[in-house]
N, C-alpha and C. Protein backbone atom coordinates (compact mmCIF):
# COMPACT_ATOMS: atom_id res chain seq x y z
N LYS A 1 -16.57 8.82 -4.24
CA LYS A 1 -15.44 8.20 -4.44
C LYS A 1 -15.14 7.10 -3.38
N MET A 2 -15.52 7.40 -2.15
CA MET A 2 -15.47 6.61 -1.05
C MET A 2 -16.28 5.20 -1.31
N ARG A 3 -17.46 5.46 -1.80
CA ARG A 3 -18.28 4.26 -2.17
C ARG A 3 -17.62 3.47 -3.18
N GLN A 4 -16.95 3.95 -4.19
CA GLN A 4 -16.17 3.17 -5.14
C GLN A 4 -15.13 2.37 -4.52
N ARG A 5 -14.34 3.05 -3.55
CA ARG A 5 -13.11 2.33 -2.99
C ARG A 5 -13.73 1.27 -1.97
N MET A 6 -14.86 1.42 -1.37
CA MET A 6 -15.48 0.31 -0.50
C MET A 6 -15.82 -0.77 -1.43
N LYS A 7 -16.31 -0.55 -2.67
CA LYS A 7 -16.70 -1.54 -3.63
C LYS A 7 -15.33 -2.35 -4.12
N GLU A 8 -14.39 -1.63 -4.38
CA GLU A 8 -13.14 -2.22 -4.72
C GLU A 8 -12.56 -3.13 -3.68
N ILE A 9 -12.47 -2.66 -2.42
CA ILE A 9 -12.05 -3.39 -1.33
C ILE A 9 -12.85 -4.74 -1.06
N ARG A 10 -14.22 -4.64 -1.10
CA ARG A 10 -15.13 -5.82 -0.98
C ARG A 10 -14.65 -6.84 -2.01
N ALA A 11 -14.53 -6.35 -3.42
CA ALA A 11 -14.21 -7.34 -4.35
C ALA A 11 -12.84 -7.95 -4.26
N TRP A 12 -11.83 -7.19 -3.75
CA TRP A 12 -10.63 -7.68 -3.64
C TRP A 12 -10.74 -8.76 -2.46
N GLU A 13 -11.37 -8.59 -1.38
CA GLU A 13 -11.52 -9.29 -0.25
C GLU A 13 -12.26 -10.71 -0.67
N ALA A 14 -13.17 -10.53 -1.53
CA ALA A 14 -13.86 -11.74 -2.02
C ALA A 14 -12.83 -12.72 -2.74
N GLN A 15 -11.84 -12.19 -3.18
CA GLN A 15 -10.92 -13.03 -4.09
C GLN A 15 -9.58 -13.39 -3.45
N HIS A 16 -9.37 -12.83 -2.36
CA HIS A 16 -8.00 -13.06 -1.61
C HIS A 16 -8.25 -13.34 -0.19
N PRO A 17 -7.26 -14.25 0.46
CA PRO A 17 -7.49 -14.44 1.75
C PRO A 17 -6.69 -13.08 2.49
N ARG A 18 -7.06 -12.78 3.61
CA ARG A 18 -6.38 -11.61 4.41
C ARG A 18 -5.00 -12.06 4.81
N PRO A 19 -3.95 -11.51 4.61
CA PRO A 19 -2.72 -11.91 5.00
C PRO A 19 -2.28 -11.17 6.29
N ASP A 20 -1.37 -11.75 7.10
CA ASP A 20 -0.78 -11.12 8.24
C ASP A 20 -0.25 -9.84 8.03
N PRO A 21 -0.52 -8.78 8.78
CA PRO A 21 0.02 -7.46 8.65
C PRO A 21 1.63 -7.64 8.77
N GLU A 22 2.06 -8.53 9.47
CA GLU A 22 3.46 -8.72 9.79
C GLU A 22 4.24 -8.80 8.48
N VAL A 23 3.55 -9.56 7.42
CA VAL A 23 4.28 -9.64 6.21
C VAL A 23 4.37 -8.31 5.68
N PHE A 24 3.57 -7.30 5.69
CA PHE A 24 3.87 -6.05 5.27
C PHE A 24 4.98 -5.35 6.03
N ARG A 25 4.90 -5.44 7.38
CA ARG A 25 5.92 -4.71 8.22
C ARG A 25 7.25 -5.33 8.03
N CYS A 26 7.39 -6.50 7.74
CA CYS A 26 8.79 -7.16 7.65
C CYS A 26 9.37 -7.22 6.15
N GLU A 27 8.38 -7.32 5.27
CA GLU A 27 8.98 -7.47 3.89
C GLU A 27 8.82 -6.28 2.97
N ILE A 28 7.71 -5.46 3.24
CA ILE A 28 7.53 -4.32 2.29
C ILE A 28 7.86 -3.08 2.96
N LEU A 29 7.68 -2.83 4.24
CA LEU A 29 7.93 -1.53 4.87
C LEU A 29 9.40 -1.11 4.89
N PRO A 30 10.28 -2.03 5.08
CA PRO A 30 11.66 -1.66 4.91
C PRO A 30 12.17 -1.18 3.61
N LEU A 31 11.60 -1.67 2.59
CA LEU A 31 11.87 -1.37 1.27
C LEU A 31 11.29 0.04 0.80
N LEU A 32 10.25 0.40 1.53
CA LEU A 32 9.55 1.85 1.33
C LEU A 32 10.27 2.93 1.83
N ARG A 33 11.09 2.62 2.94
CA ARG A 33 11.78 3.69 3.69
C ARG A 33 12.49 4.79 2.85
N THR A 34 13.00 4.42 1.62
CA THR A 34 13.64 5.29 0.74
C THR A 34 12.82 5.91 -0.36
N VAL A 35 11.69 5.40 -0.51
CA VAL A 35 10.73 5.94 -1.62
C VAL A 35 10.09 7.21 -1.18
N PRO A 36 10.13 8.30 -1.95
CA PRO A 36 9.56 9.47 -1.60
C PRO A 36 7.97 9.36 -1.28
N VAL A 37 7.54 10.06 -0.34
CA VAL A 37 6.09 9.98 -0.08
C VAL A 37 5.22 10.40 -1.27
N ARG A 38 5.66 11.40 -1.89
CA ARG A 38 4.90 11.87 -3.07
C ARG A 38 4.86 10.84 -4.11
N ARG A 39 5.84 10.12 -4.30
CA ARG A 39 5.89 8.98 -5.38
C ARG A 39 4.97 7.87 -4.94
N ILE A 40 4.96 7.54 -3.65
CA ILE A 40 4.11 6.45 -3.16
C ILE A 40 2.58 6.98 -3.40
N ALA A 41 2.32 8.17 -2.95
CA ALA A 41 0.87 8.63 -3.08
C ALA A 41 0.48 8.68 -4.77
N ARG A 42 1.40 9.12 -5.51
CA ARG A 42 1.11 9.24 -6.94
C ARG A 42 0.91 7.98 -7.66
N GLU A 43 1.81 6.98 -7.28
CA GLU A 43 1.93 5.62 -8.14
C GLU A 43 0.67 4.73 -7.51
N VAL A 44 0.35 4.92 -6.19
CA VAL A 44 -0.62 4.11 -5.64
C VAL A 44 -2.04 4.59 -5.82
N GLY A 45 -2.09 5.94 -5.81
CA GLY A 45 -3.40 6.70 -5.94
C GLY A 45 -3.98 6.96 -4.58
N ILE A 46 -3.14 7.24 -3.74
CA ILE A 46 -3.57 7.54 -2.28
C ILE A 46 -3.15 9.00 -1.93
N SER A 47 -3.70 9.45 -0.82
CA SER A 47 -3.24 10.87 -0.44
C SER A 47 -1.94 10.94 0.25
N LEU A 48 -1.33 12.12 0.17
CA LEU A 48 0.05 12.22 0.75
C LEU A 48 0.12 11.75 2.20
N ARG A 49 -1.08 12.35 2.93
CA ARG A 49 -1.03 11.87 4.44
C ARG A 49 -1.07 10.40 4.62
N TYR A 50 -1.76 9.76 3.85
CA TYR A 50 -1.92 8.27 4.00
C TYR A 50 -0.60 7.52 3.63
N ALA A 51 0.00 8.06 2.59
CA ALA A 51 1.36 7.51 2.05
C ALA A 51 2.46 7.87 3.12
N SER A 52 2.49 9.00 3.76
CA SER A 52 3.23 9.29 4.85
C SER A 52 3.06 8.28 6.05
N LEU A 53 1.89 8.19 6.54
CA LEU A 53 1.71 7.17 7.63
C LEU A 53 2.06 5.86 7.34
N ILE A 54 1.88 5.47 5.99
CA ILE A 54 2.29 4.07 5.69
C ILE A 54 3.86 3.98 5.69
N ARG A 55 4.57 4.90 5.07
CA ARG A 55 6.03 4.82 5.05
C ARG A 55 6.61 4.96 6.35
N ARG A 56 6.07 5.78 7.31
CA ARG A 56 6.51 5.83 8.65
C ARG A 56 6.19 4.45 9.49
N GLY A 57 5.36 3.70 8.98
CA GLY A 57 4.95 2.46 9.69
C GLY A 57 3.93 2.65 10.64
N GLU A 58 3.30 3.85 10.62
CA GLU A 58 2.30 4.04 11.61
C GLU A 58 0.88 3.43 11.13
N TYR A 59 0.77 2.98 9.92
CA TYR A 59 -0.41 2.38 9.30
C TYR A 59 -0.02 1.37 8.26
N VAL A 60 -0.68 0.24 8.47
CA VAL A 60 -0.48 -0.72 7.56
C VAL A 60 -1.76 -0.77 6.53
N PRO A 61 -1.38 -0.57 5.26
CA PRO A 61 -2.49 -0.26 4.15
C PRO A 61 -3.22 -1.55 3.98
N HIS A 62 -4.30 -1.47 3.39
CA HIS A 62 -5.07 -2.56 2.95
C HIS A 62 -4.28 -3.49 1.99
N PRO A 63 -4.28 -4.83 2.24
CA PRO A 63 -3.45 -5.80 1.38
C PRO A 63 -3.55 -5.52 -0.12
N ARG A 64 -4.57 -4.98 -0.56
CA ARG A 64 -4.72 -4.95 -2.01
C ARG A 64 -3.78 -3.92 -2.52
N TRP A 65 -3.01 -3.08 -1.76
CA TRP A 65 -1.99 -2.20 -2.07
C TRP A 65 -0.62 -2.89 -2.00
N TRP A 66 -0.53 -3.91 -1.28
CA TRP A 66 0.86 -4.47 -0.98
C TRP A 66 1.60 -4.70 -2.19
N GLU A 67 1.08 -5.48 -3.21
CA GLU A 67 1.93 -5.76 -4.34
C GLU A 67 2.58 -4.50 -5.07
N ALA A 68 1.55 -3.52 -5.21
CA ALA A 68 2.06 -2.21 -5.89
C ALA A 68 2.98 -1.57 -5.05
N LEU A 69 2.92 -1.50 -3.74
CA LEU A 69 3.84 -0.92 -2.87
C LEU A 69 5.25 -1.69 -3.13
N ARG A 70 5.16 -2.98 -3.04
CA ARG A 70 6.41 -3.69 -3.11
C ARG A 70 7.02 -3.54 -4.45
N ASP A 71 6.29 -3.35 -5.50
CA ASP A 71 6.90 -3.27 -6.96
C ASP A 71 7.46 -1.83 -6.96
N LEU A 72 6.83 -0.98 -6.34
CA LEU A 72 7.29 0.43 -6.30
C LEU A 72 8.69 0.51 -5.70
N ALA A 73 8.83 -0.05 -4.40
CA ALA A 73 9.94 -0.07 -3.64
C ALA A 73 11.03 -0.77 -4.30
N MET A 74 10.79 -1.74 -5.06
CA MET A 74 11.85 -2.51 -5.86
C MET A 74 12.15 -1.97 -7.17
N GLY A 75 11.42 -0.95 -7.50
CA GLY A 75 11.80 -0.16 -8.66
C GLY A 75 11.25 -0.84 -10.03
N THR A 76 10.12 -1.57 -9.77
CA THR A 76 9.48 -2.21 -11.00
C THR A 76 8.32 -1.27 -11.47
N ILE A 77 7.95 -0.31 -10.72
CA ILE A 77 6.93 0.69 -11.21
C ILE A 77 7.65 2.02 -11.36
N GLY A 78 7.19 2.72 -12.57
CA GLY A 78 7.70 3.87 -12.73
C GLY A 78 9.14 4.03 -13.18
């Protein structure tokens, strides 16, 4: 599974410029504060631990997740 994830990351990076992490911290993270960790994990397909670290602001996820996280936080997913 990790090999597949790395392949997906490389494909995403080949198609997109790497954005500034401050965009995530300022625009998306505040919106995620009220989204349950379990919902973040389920909707994005990540572990509960990873989702928890993201929501607490301890980890900035790979930019390929940012759009899905923004949509989730704004209520356009699920």
